[in-house]
Protein backbone atom coordinates (compact mmCIF):
# COMPACT_ATOMS: atom_id res chain seq x y z
CA MET A 1 0.00 0.00 0.00
CA ALA A 2 1.14 3.55 -0.70
CA GLY A 3 2.86 5.64 1.93
CA SER A 4 5.92 5.03 4.08
CA ALA A 5 6.23 1.81 6.06
CA GLY A 6 4.01 1.95 9.13
CA VAL A 7 2.20 5.11 8.01
CA GLN A 8 -1.49 4.95 7.20
CA PRO A 9 -2.37 6.06 3.64
CA LEU A 10 -3.68 9.62 3.43
CA VAL A 11 -6.97 10.01 1.55
CA LEU A 12 -8.23 13.41 0.41
CA VAL A 13 -12.04 13.39 0.63
CA VAL A 14 -13.78 15.99 -1.55
CA GLU A 15 -17.40 16.06 -0.43
CA THR A 16 -20.07 18.76 -0.30
CA GLU A 17 -22.61 17.02 1.94
CA PRO A 18 -21.70 17.03 5.67
CA GLN A 19 -23.54 13.80 6.48
CA VAL A 20 -21.84 11.85 3.69
CA ARG A 21 -18.48 13.42 4.56
CA ARG A 22 -18.80 12.28 8.19
CA PHE A 23 -19.67 8.77 7.05
CA LEU A 24 -16.68 8.56 4.70
CA VAL A 25 -14.19 9.99 7.21
CA SER A 26 -15.46 7.62 9.92
CA THR A 27 -15.30 4.63 7.57
CA LEU A 28 -11.76 5.49 6.52
CA ALA A 29 -10.57 5.88 10.11
CA THR A 30 -12.12 2.53 11.08
CA ASN A 31 -10.34 0.79 8.20
CA GLY A 32 -6.82 2.13 8.66
CA PHE A 33 -6.76 5.36 6.62
CA ARG A 34 -5.94 8.93 7.50
CA SER A 35 -8.03 11.55 5.77
CA LEU A 36 -8.36 15.21 4.91
CA HIS A 37 -11.78 16.52 3.91
CA VAL A 38 -12.51 19.63 1.88
CA GLY A 39 -15.22 21.22 -0.25
CA THR A 40 -14.81 22.17 -3.89
CA ARG A 41 -13.30 25.67 -3.67
CA ALA A 42 -10.04 25.99 -5.59
CA GLY A 43 -8.06 27.46 -2.69
CA MET A 44 -9.13 24.70 -0.32
CA LEU A 45 -8.25 22.03 -2.87
CA ALA A 46 -4.81 23.54 -3.53
CA ARG A 47 -3.96 23.59 0.18
CA ALA A 48 -5.19 20.03 0.66
CA VAL A 49 -3.29 18.65 -2.34
CA ALA A 50 -0.12 20.22 -0.92
CA HIS A 51 -0.29 17.53 1.78
CA GLU A 52 0.44 14.97 -1.00
CA PRO A 53 -2.45 12.54 -0.47
CA ASP A 54 -2.00 8.92 -1.48
CA LEU A 55 -5.50 8.81 -2.99
CA VAL A 56 -8.28 11.30 -3.78
CA LEU A 57 -11.90 10.35 -3.17
CA ILE A 58 -14.40 12.64 -4.93
CA SER A 59 -17.96 12.30 -3.65
CA VAL A 60 -20.04 15.26 -4.78
CA GLY A 61 -23.80 15.13 -4.43
CA LEU A 62 -24.73 18.60 -5.73
CA ARG A 63 -25.97 18.87 -9.31
CA ALA A 64 -24.48 22.36 -9.57
CA VAL A 65 -20.94 20.97 -9.25
CA ASP A 66 -19.10 20.08 -12.47
CA VAL A 67 -17.57 16.78 -11.34
CA ALA A 68 -15.54 16.30 -14.54
CA GLY A 69 -14.12 19.81 -14.24
CA LEU A 70 -13.33 19.23 -10.58
CA THR A 71 -11.58 15.98 -11.48
CA SER A 72 -9.54 17.72 -14.17
CA ARG A 73 -8.39 20.42 -11.74
CA LEU A 74 -7.34 17.82 -9.20
CA ARG A 75 -5.55 15.70 -11.81
CA ALA A 76 -3.51 18.74 -12.83
CA ARG A 77 -2.32 19.07 -9.23
CA THR A 78 -1.69 15.48 -8.12
CA PRO A 79 -0.53 12.15 -9.58
CA ALA A 80 -2.44 10.24 -6.86
CA PRO A 81 -5.19 7.82 -7.94
CA ILE A 82 -8.59 9.51 -8.14
CA LEU A 83 -11.72 7.53 -7.31
CA ALA A 84 -15.12 9.14 -7.92
CA VAL A 85 -18.30 8.28 -6.03
CA LEU A 86 -21.17 9.12 -8.38
CA THR A 87 -24.84 9.64 -7.68
CA GLU A 88 -27.30 7.96 -10.06
CA TRP A 89 -28.02 11.26 -11.84
CA ALA A 90 -24.29 11.70 -12.57
CA GLU A 91 -23.70 8.13 -13.78
CA GLY A 92 -24.12 9.26 -17.37
CA ASP A 93 -21.05 11.50 -16.92
CA ARG A 94 -18.77 8.60 -15.99
CA ARG A 95 -16.91 8.64 -19.31
CA ALA A 96 -16.27 12.39 -19.03
CA ILE A 97 -15.00 11.89 -15.49
CA ILE A 98 -12.61 9.12 -16.56
CA GLU A 99 -11.45 11.26 -19.48
CA ALA A 100 -10.83 14.11 -17.02
CA GLY A 101 -8.37 11.96 -15.10
CA ALA A 102 -10.25 9.74 -12.65
CA ASP A 103 -8.90 6.20 -12.38
CA ASP A 104 -12.15 4.55 -11.31
CA TYR A 105 -15.65 5.20 -9.96
CA VAL A 106 -18.45 3.63 -7.93
CA VAL A 107 -22.14 4.54 -8.08
CA LYS A 108 -24.37 5.19 -5.06
CA PRO A 109 -25.74 3.19 -3.41
CA PHE A 110 -22.62 1.06 -3.02
CA TRP A 111 -21.26 -1.54 -0.64
CA THR A 112 -18.67 -0.07 1.71
CA ALA A 113 -16.54 -3.19 1.23
CA ASP A 114 -16.54 -2.60 -2.54
CA LEU A 115 -15.37 1.00 -2.11
CA LEU A 116 -12.57 -0.03 0.27
CA GLU A 117 -11.48 -2.84 -2.06
CA ARG A 118 -11.18 -0.44 -5.00
CA MET A 119 -9.30 2.09 -2.89
CA ARG A 120 -6.79 -0.54 -1.77
CA PHE A 121 -6.39 -1.76 -5.33
CA TRP A 122 -5.50 1.71 -6.65
CA LEU A 123 -3.19 2.41 -3.73
CA GLN A 124 -1.27 -0.72 -4.69
CA GLN A 125 -1.04 0.44 -8.30
CA ALA A 126 0.38 3.90 -7.54
CA PRO A 127 3.98 2.79 -6.75
CA ARG A 128 3.86 0.44 -9.74
CA ALA A 129 2.83 3.29 -12.05
CA ARG A 130 5.68 5.48 -10.77
CA ARG A 131 8.20 2.71 -11.51
CA MET A 132 6.91 2.49 -15.09
CA GLU A 133 7.19 6.22 -15.76
CA SER A 134 9.78 7.68 -18.12
CA PRO A 135 9.99 11.14 -19.75
CA SER A 136 9.08 9.77 -23.16
CA SER A 137 7.69 6.23 -23.35
CA LEU A 138 6.95 6.31 -27.07
CA PRO A 139 9.41 7.33 -29.80
CA ALA A 140 8.90 10.46 -31.84
CA GLY A 141 6.92 9.93 -35.03
CA ARG A 142 3.24 10.19 -35.82
CA PHE A 143 2.52 10.06 -32.09
CA ARG A 144 4.58 10.71 -28.98
CA LEU A 145 3.78 10.17 -25.32
CA ASP A 146 5.30 12.28 -22.55
CA ARG A 147 4.43 10.21 -19.48
CA GLU A 148 5.97 12.59 -16.98
CA ARG A 149 3.46 15.29 -17.97
CA GLN A 150 0.78 12.83 -19.17
CA ARG A 151 0.62 14.32 -22.64
CA LEU A 152 0.03 12.53 -25.93
CA PHE A 153 0.92 14.24 -29.21
CA VAL A 154 -0.60 12.92 -32.43
CA GLU A 155 0.84 14.48 -35.59
CA GLY A 156 2.03 17.43 -33.51
CA ARG A 157 -1.38 18.00 -31.88
CA GLN A 158 -1.79 17.43 -28.15
CA VAL A 159 -4.50 14.89 -27.32
CA HIS A 160 -5.79 14.41 -23.78
CA VAL A 161 -5.02 11.02 -22.21
CA THR A 162 -5.92 9.71 -18.79
CA PRO A 163 -3.31 8.26 -16.37
CA LEU A 164 -4.59 4.77 -17.13
CA GLU A 165 -4.27 5.32 -20.88
CA CYS A 166 -0.68 6.44 -20.31
CA ARG A 167 0.06 3.18 -18.51
CA LEU A 168 -1.59 1.14 -21.27
CA LEU A 169 0.47 2.84 -23.97
CA ALA A 170 3.66 2.41 -21.93
CA ALA A 171 2.97 -1.30 -21.44
CA LEU A 172 2.40 -1.82 -25.17
CA SER A 173 5.46 0.25 -26.03
CA ALA A 174 7.61 -1.85 -23.71
CA SER A 175 6.81 -4.92 -25.83
CA ARG A 176 8.68 -3.20 -28.75
CA GLY A 177 6.12 -4.13 -31.38
CA GLY A 178 5.38 -7.54 -29.90
CA ALA A 179 1.82 -8.68 -29.34
CA LEU A 180 0.37 -8.89 -25.82
CA SER A 181 -2.65 -10.91 -24.78
CA GLU A 182 -5.36 -9.32 -22.68
CA ASP A 183 -4.02 -11.18 -19.64
CA GLN A 184 -0.51 -9.83 -20.29
CA VAL A 185 -1.75 -6.24 -20.65
CA VAL A 186 -3.82 -6.51 -17.47
CA ALA A 187 -0.85 -7.95 -15.57
CA ALA A 188 1.47 -5.22 -16.85
CA VAL A 189 -0.88 -2.39 -15.91
CA TRP A 190 -2.84 -3.66 -12.92
CA GLY A 191 -0.50 -6.36 -11.61
CA PRO A 192 -0.76 -10.18 -11.42
CA GLY A 193 -4.19 -11.45 -10.49
CA GLY A 194 -5.91 -8.34 -11.81
CA GLY A 195 -7.59 -10.12 -14.70
CA GLY A 196 -11.24 -11.10 -14.71
CA HIS A 197 -14.18 -10.78 -17.05
CA SER A 198 -15.13 -7.30 -15.85
CA GLN A 199 -11.49 -6.16 -15.88
CA LYS A 200 -11.07 -7.30 -19.48
CA GLN A 201 -14.24 -5.48 -20.51
CA TYR A 202 -12.79 -2.37 -18.86
CA LEU A 203 -9.55 -2.90 -20.81
CA ARG A 204 -11.40 -3.22 -24.13
CA ALA A 205 -13.29 0.02 -23.52
CA HIS A 206 -10.05 1.88 -22.85
CA MET A 207 -8.34 0.38 -25.90
CA LYS A 208 -11.26 1.50 -28.05
CA ARG A 209 -10.86 5.07 -26.77
CA LEU A 210 -7.11 4.96 -27.39
CA ARG A 211 -7.68 3.90 -30.99
CA GLU A 212 -10.04 6.86 -31.41
CA LYS A 213 -7.24 9.14 -30.23
CA LEU A 214 -4.38 7.55 -32.18
CA GLU A 215 -5.95 6.54 -35.48
CA ARG A 216 -7.20 8.57 -38.41
CA ASP A 217 -9.70 5.77 -39.07
CA PRO A 218 -10.34 3.90 -35.79
CA ALA A 219 -12.43 1.30 -37.64
CA HIS A 220 -9.34 0.34 -39.66
CA PRO A 221 -6.43 0.91 -37.23
CA ARG A 222 -2.84 1.00 -38.48
CA PHE A 223 -0.97 1.45 -35.21
CA LEU A 224 -2.96 0.08 -32.25
CA VAL A 225 -4.12 -3.21 -33.72
CA ILE A 226 -5.57 -6.52 -32.55
CA ASP A 227 -4.25 -9.64 -34.27
CA THR A 228 -6.23 -12.77 -35.11
CA GLY A 229 -5.47 -14.22 -31.68
CA GLY A 230 -7.07 -11.25 -29.94
CA ARG A 231 -3.69 -9.85 -28.85
CA TYR A 232 -2.85 -6.15 -28.81
CA ARG A 233 0.09 -4.70 -30.71
CA LEU A 234 1.38 -1.11 -30.90
CA LYS A 235 3.15 -0.73 -34.22
CA PRO A 236 5.95 1.82 -34.66
CA SER A 237 4.62 5.17 -35.78
């Protein structure tokens, strides 16, 4: 788990409803987490992020709050995993929230055990992601990835990528043109034992979005391709 040995992980809780905030903070304390809790004002967020949280938990219940915009502002300030807790009315925005930089989400009502399991999972991935980082994981050409700044350039134009998409591209790049099965990609990005039917569906959705960002014609990809065995390959640009 993230954090120094013997130190409880620090979770930044961004919540606008006092009752829900008290529940989350109490649940975190009971299960071995430290927490900071703030509202959505920019100054408050900046001061809280300066404490270098190990994970950010966004749980905003007000319709007036732009959750995707809030996620984007937080992602610009911290490399920590971001987990969003969405109300049913905001579930339709889940893609926008992932695109803005969230790593995962749960939808209310949810099981507390499920939320804690996802938090622990992402805390385990954070050190792994840092080990994989390099200033430029993809060679210059039609597209270039700057992992340090989480920027993808396609034909000289910057294209937004999420932290997870960065890790997927880095894993494929590390194979140097070789093909990776779904199990191999999942293991490289999420760690051994991370594969499962739902995880693979999640992977396929992200690969589809990456093709839309990399390819001129995503229906007939030239660079991020799937071979006849269902394996993924990133061809040199």
